[in-house]
Amino acid sequence: MAVSWRDPSVRAARLAHYGTREERFWNRVKKTNSHWLWIGATVHGHGRINHRWAHRESWEMHHGPIPAGYDVHHHCRVKLCVKPSHLRLMTTGDHHKIHNRERKVK
C-alpha cells in the first residue's frame, strides 16, 4: 500500500521532522544590520526554497499573496536579500523595464 502525503499522520510526522514552512524559511536567513540574507539554496544568484524564490516567499509571509501579473523586486539590488522593507511589488512589465535599463548601463 502506498503512503499518501495527505494522510494526517504522515503530515504530522513530516512537520515534526522538518518544521513549519516559516521555520524552514527562517532557518535559512541571516539578519545583518542592513539586509536579511538568504543562506539556503540558490539558483542564478536568487534564494530558493521549496521550488519557490525566497524573496517571493518572504513577500507572501509578510504581505499576503502576489497578484497575477506582478513580480517582487529587490529595491536594494541584493539578490539574496529577503527583508520585506527592501522588496517592492510591481507589474511584470515595470520589473522587466527596470532590469532591461540596468543591463544597458553595464
N, C-alpha and C. Protein backbone atom coordinates (compact mmCIF):
# COMPACT_ATOMS: atom_id res chain seq x y z
N MET A 1 0.84 -1.18 0.00
CA MET A 1 0.00 0.00 0.00
C MET A 1 0.89 1.25 0.00
N ALA A 2 0.60 2.18 -0.88
CA ALA A 2 1.37 3.41 -0.99
C ALA A 2 1.01 4.38 0.14
N VAL A 3 2.01 5.13 0.57
CA VAL A 3 1.80 6.12 1.62
C VAL A 3 1.45 7.44 0.96
N SER A 4 0.39 8.08 1.42
CA SER A 4 -0.04 9.36 0.87
C SER A 4 0.42 10.49 1.78
N TRP A 5 0.95 11.56 1.16
CA TRP A 5 1.36 12.73 1.94
C TRP A 5 0.16 13.45 2.50
N ARG A 6 -1.03 13.11 2.01
CA ARG A 6 -2.25 13.74 2.51
C ARG A 6 -2.75 13.08 3.79
N ASP A 7 -2.21 11.92 4.11
CA ASP A 7 -2.58 11.21 5.34
C ASP A 7 -2.16 12.09 6.52
N PRO A 8 -3.10 12.42 7.43
CA PRO A 8 -2.77 13.30 8.57
C PRO A 8 -1.59 12.82 9.42
N SER A 9 -1.45 11.52 9.60
CA SER A 9 -0.34 11.03 10.42
C SER A 9 1.00 11.24 9.71
N VAL A 10 1.00 11.11 8.38
CA VAL A 10 2.22 11.34 7.60
C VAL A 10 2.57 12.83 7.63
N ARG A 11 1.56 13.67 7.47
CA ARG A 11 1.80 15.13 7.52
C ARG A 11 2.34 15.55 8.88
N ALA A 12 1.81 14.98 9.95
CA ALA A 12 2.27 15.31 11.29
C ALA A 12 3.72 14.88 11.50
N ALA A 13 4.08 13.71 10.99
CA ALA A 13 5.45 13.22 11.12
C ALA A 13 6.40 14.12 10.33
N ARG A 14 5.98 14.53 9.14
CA ARG A 14 6.81 15.41 8.31
C ARG A 14 7.01 16.77 8.99
N LEU A 15 5.94 17.31 9.54
CA LEU A 15 6.01 18.59 10.23
C LEU A 15 6.95 18.51 11.43
N ALA A 16 6.87 17.42 12.19
CA ALA A 16 7.74 17.24 13.35
C ALA A 16 9.20 17.15 12.92
N HIS A 17 9.46 16.52 11.78
CA HIS A 17 10.83 16.35 11.31
C HIS A 17 11.39 17.62 10.67
N TYR A 18 10.64 18.25 9.80
CA TYR A 18 11.14 19.40 9.03
C TYR A 18 10.75 20.76 9.59
N GLY A 19 9.75 20.83 10.44
CA GLY A 19 9.27 22.10 10.96
C GLY A 19 8.25 22.73 10.03
N THR A 20 7.70 23.85 10.45
CA THR A 20 6.71 24.55 9.64
C THR A 20 7.39 25.23 8.46
N ARG A 21 6.60 25.68 7.53
CA ARG A 21 7.12 26.40 6.37
C ARG A 21 7.93 27.62 6.81
N GLU A 22 7.38 28.36 7.79
CA GLU A 22 8.07 29.55 8.30
C GLU A 22 9.38 29.19 9.01
N GLU A 23 9.37 28.11 9.79
CA GLU A 23 10.61 27.68 10.47
C GLU A 23 11.69 27.31 9.47
N ARG A 24 11.30 26.60 8.41
CA ARG A 24 12.28 26.22 7.39
C ARG A 24 12.83 27.46 6.70
N PHE A 25 11.98 28.46 6.48
CA PHE A 25 12.42 29.72 5.87
C PHE A 25 13.42 30.43 6.78
N TRP A 26 13.03 30.68 8.04
CA TRP A 26 13.87 31.47 8.94
C TRP A 26 15.17 30.77 9.30
N ASN A 27 15.23 29.45 9.21
CA ASN A 27 16.49 28.74 9.44
C ASN A 27 17.51 29.02 8.35
N ARG A 28 17.10 29.63 7.26
CA ARG A 28 17.98 29.90 6.13
C ARG A 28 18.20 31.40 5.90
N VAL A 29 17.91 32.21 6.91
CA VAL A 29 18.06 33.67 6.81
C VAL A 29 19.05 34.16 7.86
N LYS A 30 19.98 35.00 7.41
CA LYS A 30 20.93 35.64 8.33
C LYS A 30 20.65 37.14 8.31
N LYS A 31 20.23 37.68 9.45
CA LYS A 31 19.92 39.10 9.54
C LYS A 31 21.19 39.88 9.85
N THR A 32 21.47 40.88 9.03
CA THR A 32 22.60 41.78 9.27
C THR A 32 22.02 43.16 9.59
N ASN A 33 22.87 44.13 9.80
CA ASN A 33 22.38 45.49 10.09
C ASN A 33 21.59 46.07 8.94
N SER A 34 21.95 45.69 7.71
CA SER A 34 21.28 46.30 6.56
C SER A 34 20.37 45.35 5.78
N HIS A 35 20.68 44.07 5.72
CA HIS A 35 19.91 43.13 4.91
C HIS A 35 19.56 41.87 5.69
N TRP A 36 18.56 41.15 5.20
CA TRP A 36 18.25 39.81 5.67
C TRP A 36 18.68 38.89 4.54
N LEU A 37 19.82 38.25 4.70
CA LEU A 37 20.42 37.49 3.59
C LEU A 37 20.01 36.03 3.61
N TRP A 38 19.64 35.54 2.45
CA TRP A 38 19.30 34.14 2.26
C TRP A 38 20.58 33.32 2.24
N ILE A 39 20.68 32.31 3.10
CA ILE A 39 21.88 31.47 3.15
C ILE A 39 21.57 30.03 2.76
N GLY A 40 20.37 29.80 2.24
CA GLY A 40 19.99 28.46 1.77
C GLY A 40 20.38 28.27 0.31
N ALA A 41 19.68 27.38 -0.35
CA ALA A 41 19.95 27.07 -1.76
C ALA A 41 19.73 28.29 -2.65
N THR A 42 20.51 28.35 -3.74
CA THR A 42 20.36 29.45 -4.69
C THR A 42 20.33 28.92 -6.13
N VAL A 43 19.69 29.70 -6.99
CA VAL A 43 19.68 29.45 -8.43
C VAL A 43 19.82 30.81 -9.10
N HIS A 44 20.81 30.96 -9.95
CA HIS A 44 21.07 32.23 -10.66
C HIS A 44 21.21 33.40 -9.68
N GLY A 45 21.77 33.14 -8.50
CA GLY A 45 22.01 34.19 -7.53
C GLY A 45 20.84 34.54 -6.64
N HIS A 46 19.67 33.93 -6.87
CA HIS A 46 18.49 34.17 -6.05
C HIS A 46 18.27 32.97 -5.13
N GLY A 47 17.74 33.25 -3.93
CA GLY A 47 17.44 32.18 -2.98
C GLY A 47 16.26 31.34 -3.45
N ARG A 48 16.33 30.04 -3.14
CA ARG A 48 15.25 29.11 -3.48
C ARG A 48 14.86 28.30 -2.24
N ILE A 49 13.57 28.11 -2.06
CA ILE A 49 13.05 27.25 -1.01
C ILE A 49 11.78 26.58 -1.52
N ASN A 50 11.73 25.27 -1.40
CA ASN A 50 10.55 24.52 -1.84
C ASN A 50 10.13 24.86 -3.26
N HIS A 51 11.08 24.95 -4.17
CA HIS A 51 10.83 25.24 -5.59
C HIS A 51 10.22 26.62 -5.81
N ARG A 52 10.46 27.52 -4.88
CA ARG A 52 9.96 28.91 -4.99
C ARG A 52 11.12 29.87 -4.72
N TRP A 53 11.01 31.07 -5.23
CA TRP A 53 12.02 32.09 -4.96
C TRP A 53 11.85 32.57 -3.53
N ALA A 54 12.95 32.68 -2.80
CA ALA A 54 12.90 33.04 -1.37
C ALA A 54 12.34 34.45 -1.16
N HIS A 55 12.66 35.39 -2.05
CA HIS A 55 12.15 36.75 -1.85
C HIS A 55 10.63 36.81 -2.05
N ARG A 56 10.09 35.97 -2.93
CA ARG A 56 8.63 35.90 -3.10
C ARG A 56 7.99 35.25 -1.87
N GLU A 57 8.64 34.25 -1.32
CA GLU A 57 8.15 33.60 -0.10
C GLU A 57 8.10 34.63 1.04
N SER A 58 9.15 35.44 1.16
CA SER A 58 9.20 36.47 2.20
C SER A 58 8.05 37.47 2.01
N TRP A 59 7.87 37.91 0.77
CA TRP A 59 6.79 38.87 0.48
C TRP A 59 5.45 38.30 0.94
N GLU A 60 5.18 37.06 0.57
CA GLU A 60 3.89 36.46 0.88
C GLU A 60 3.71 36.23 2.38
N MET A 61 4.78 35.91 3.09
CA MET A 61 4.68 35.74 4.55
C MET A 61 4.33 37.06 5.23
N HIS A 62 4.83 38.17 4.68
CA HIS A 62 4.64 39.47 5.33
C HIS A 62 3.48 40.28 4.77
N HIS A 63 3.12 40.07 3.50
CA HIS A 63 2.11 40.92 2.86
C HIS A 63 0.93 40.16 2.25
N GLY A 64 1.04 38.85 2.14
CA GLY A 64 -0.03 38.08 1.51
C GLY A 64 0.31 37.70 0.08
N PRO A 65 -0.65 37.10 -0.63
CA PRO A 65 -0.40 36.58 -1.97
C PRO A 65 0.02 37.66 -2.98
N ILE A 66 0.82 37.24 -3.93
CA ILE A 66 1.26 38.12 -5.02
C ILE A 66 0.22 38.01 -6.14
N PRO A 67 -0.39 39.12 -6.53
CA PRO A 67 -1.41 39.06 -7.58
C PRO A 67 -0.81 38.61 -8.92
N ALA A 68 -1.64 38.01 -9.76
CA ALA A 68 -1.20 37.62 -11.10
C ALA A 68 -0.74 38.86 -11.85
N GLY A 69 0.35 38.72 -12.59
CA GLY A 69 0.88 39.83 -13.37
C GLY A 69 1.82 40.74 -12.61
N TYR A 70 2.16 40.35 -11.38
CA TYR A 70 3.06 41.15 -10.56
C TYR A 70 4.30 40.35 -10.18
N ASP A 71 5.41 41.06 -9.97
CA ASP A 71 6.67 40.48 -9.53
C ASP A 71 7.11 41.19 -8.26
N VAL A 72 8.03 40.55 -7.54
CA VAL A 72 8.63 41.17 -6.35
C VAL A 72 10.05 41.59 -6.74
N HIS A 73 10.33 42.87 -6.59
CA HIS A 73 11.61 43.46 -6.99
C HIS A 73 12.48 43.73 -5.77
N HIS A 74 13.79 43.42 -5.89
CA HIS A 74 14.76 43.74 -4.83
C HIS A 74 15.14 45.21 -4.98
N HIS A 75 14.48 46.08 -4.24
CA HIS A 75 14.75 47.51 -4.32
C HIS A 75 16.19 47.82 -3.90
N CYS A 76 16.75 47.01 -3.01
CA CYS A 76 18.11 47.22 -2.52
C CYS A 76 19.17 46.68 -3.49
N ARG A 77 18.75 45.98 -4.54
CA ARG A 77 19.62 45.41 -5.58
C ARG A 77 20.47 44.22 -5.09
N VAL A 78 20.14 43.66 -3.91
CA VAL A 78 20.86 42.50 -3.39
C VAL A 78 19.97 41.28 -3.61
N LYS A 79 20.35 40.42 -4.55
CA LYS A 79 19.51 39.28 -4.94
C LYS A 79 19.19 38.33 -3.79
N LEU A 80 20.05 38.23 -2.80
CA LEU A 80 19.83 37.31 -1.68
C LEU A 80 19.08 37.94 -0.52
N CYS A 81 18.72 39.21 -0.64
CA CYS A 81 18.01 39.89 0.45
C CYS A 81 16.53 39.51 0.43
N VAL A 82 16.01 39.16 1.62
CA VAL A 82 14.60 38.81 1.76
C VAL A 82 13.90 39.73 2.77
N LYS A 83 14.53 40.84 3.10
CA LYS A 83 13.96 41.79 4.06
C LYS A 83 12.75 42.47 3.43
N PRO A 84 11.58 42.37 4.05
CA PRO A 84 10.37 42.91 3.42
C PRO A 84 10.44 44.39 3.04
N SER A 85 11.11 45.19 3.84
CA SER A 85 11.19 46.63 3.52
C SER A 85 12.10 46.90 2.32
N HIS A 86 12.84 45.90 1.87
CA HIS A 86 13.72 46.05 0.70
C HIS A 86 13.07 45.49 -0.57
N LEU A 87 11.86 44.96 -0.44
CA LEU A 87 11.17 44.35 -1.57
C LEU A 87 10.01 45.24 -2.02
N ARG A 88 9.80 45.30 -3.32
CA ARG A 88 8.71 46.10 -3.88
C ARG A 88 7.87 45.24 -4.81
N LEU A 89 6.56 45.40 -4.73
CA LEU A 89 5.65 44.71 -5.64
C LEU A 89 5.43 45.62 -6.83
N MET A 90 5.62 45.08 -8.03
CA MET A 90 5.41 45.88 -9.24
C MET A 90 4.94 44.98 -10.37
N THR A 91 4.36 45.60 -11.38
CA THR A 91 3.91 44.80 -12.51
C THR A 91 5.10 44.13 -13.17
N THR A 92 4.84 43.01 -13.80
CA THR A 92 5.90 42.29 -14.51
C THR A 92 6.53 43.18 -15.56
N GLY A 93 5.72 43.96 -16.27
CA GLY A 93 6.24 44.87 -17.30
C GLY A 93 7.20 45.90 -16.73
N ASP A 94 6.81 46.54 -15.62
CA ASP A 94 7.68 47.53 -14.98
C ASP A 94 8.96 46.88 -14.47
N HIS A 95 8.84 45.67 -13.94
CA HIS A 95 10.01 44.95 -13.44
C HIS A 95 10.99 44.67 -14.57
N HIS A 96 10.48 44.26 -15.70
CA HIS A 96 11.34 43.99 -16.86
C HIS A 96 12.00 45.28 -17.36
N LYS A 97 11.27 46.39 -17.35
CA LYS A 97 11.84 47.67 -17.78
C LYS A 97 13.03 48.05 -16.91
N ILE A 98 12.89 47.89 -15.60
CA ILE A 98 13.99 48.22 -14.69
C ILE A 98 15.23 47.38 -15.00
N HIS A 99 15.03 46.07 -15.16
CA HIS A 99 16.17 45.19 -15.40
C HIS A 99 16.76 45.38 -16.79
N ASN A 100 15.96 45.70 -17.78
CA ASN A 100 16.50 45.98 -19.11
C ASN A 100 17.31 47.27 -19.09
N ARG A 101 16.85 48.26 -18.34
CA ARG A 101 17.57 49.53 -18.21
C ARG A 101 18.92 49.28 -17.53
N GLU A 102 18.95 48.43 -16.50
CA GLU A 102 20.19 48.11 -15.78
C GLU A 102 21.18 47.38 -16.70
N ARG A 103 20.68 46.50 -17.55
CA ARG A 103 21.57 45.77 -18.48
C ARG A 103 22.23 46.71 -19.47
N LYS A 104 21.51 47.75 -19.91
CA LYS A 104 22.05 48.69 -20.88
C LYS A 104 23.16 49.55 -20.27
N VAL A 105 23.06 49.80 -18.96
CA VAL A 105 24.04 50.63 -18.27
C VAL A 105 25.37 49.90 -18.13
N LYS A 106 25.33 48.57 -17.96
CA LYS A 106 26.55 47.79 -17.73
C LYS A 106 27.44 47.75 -18.93
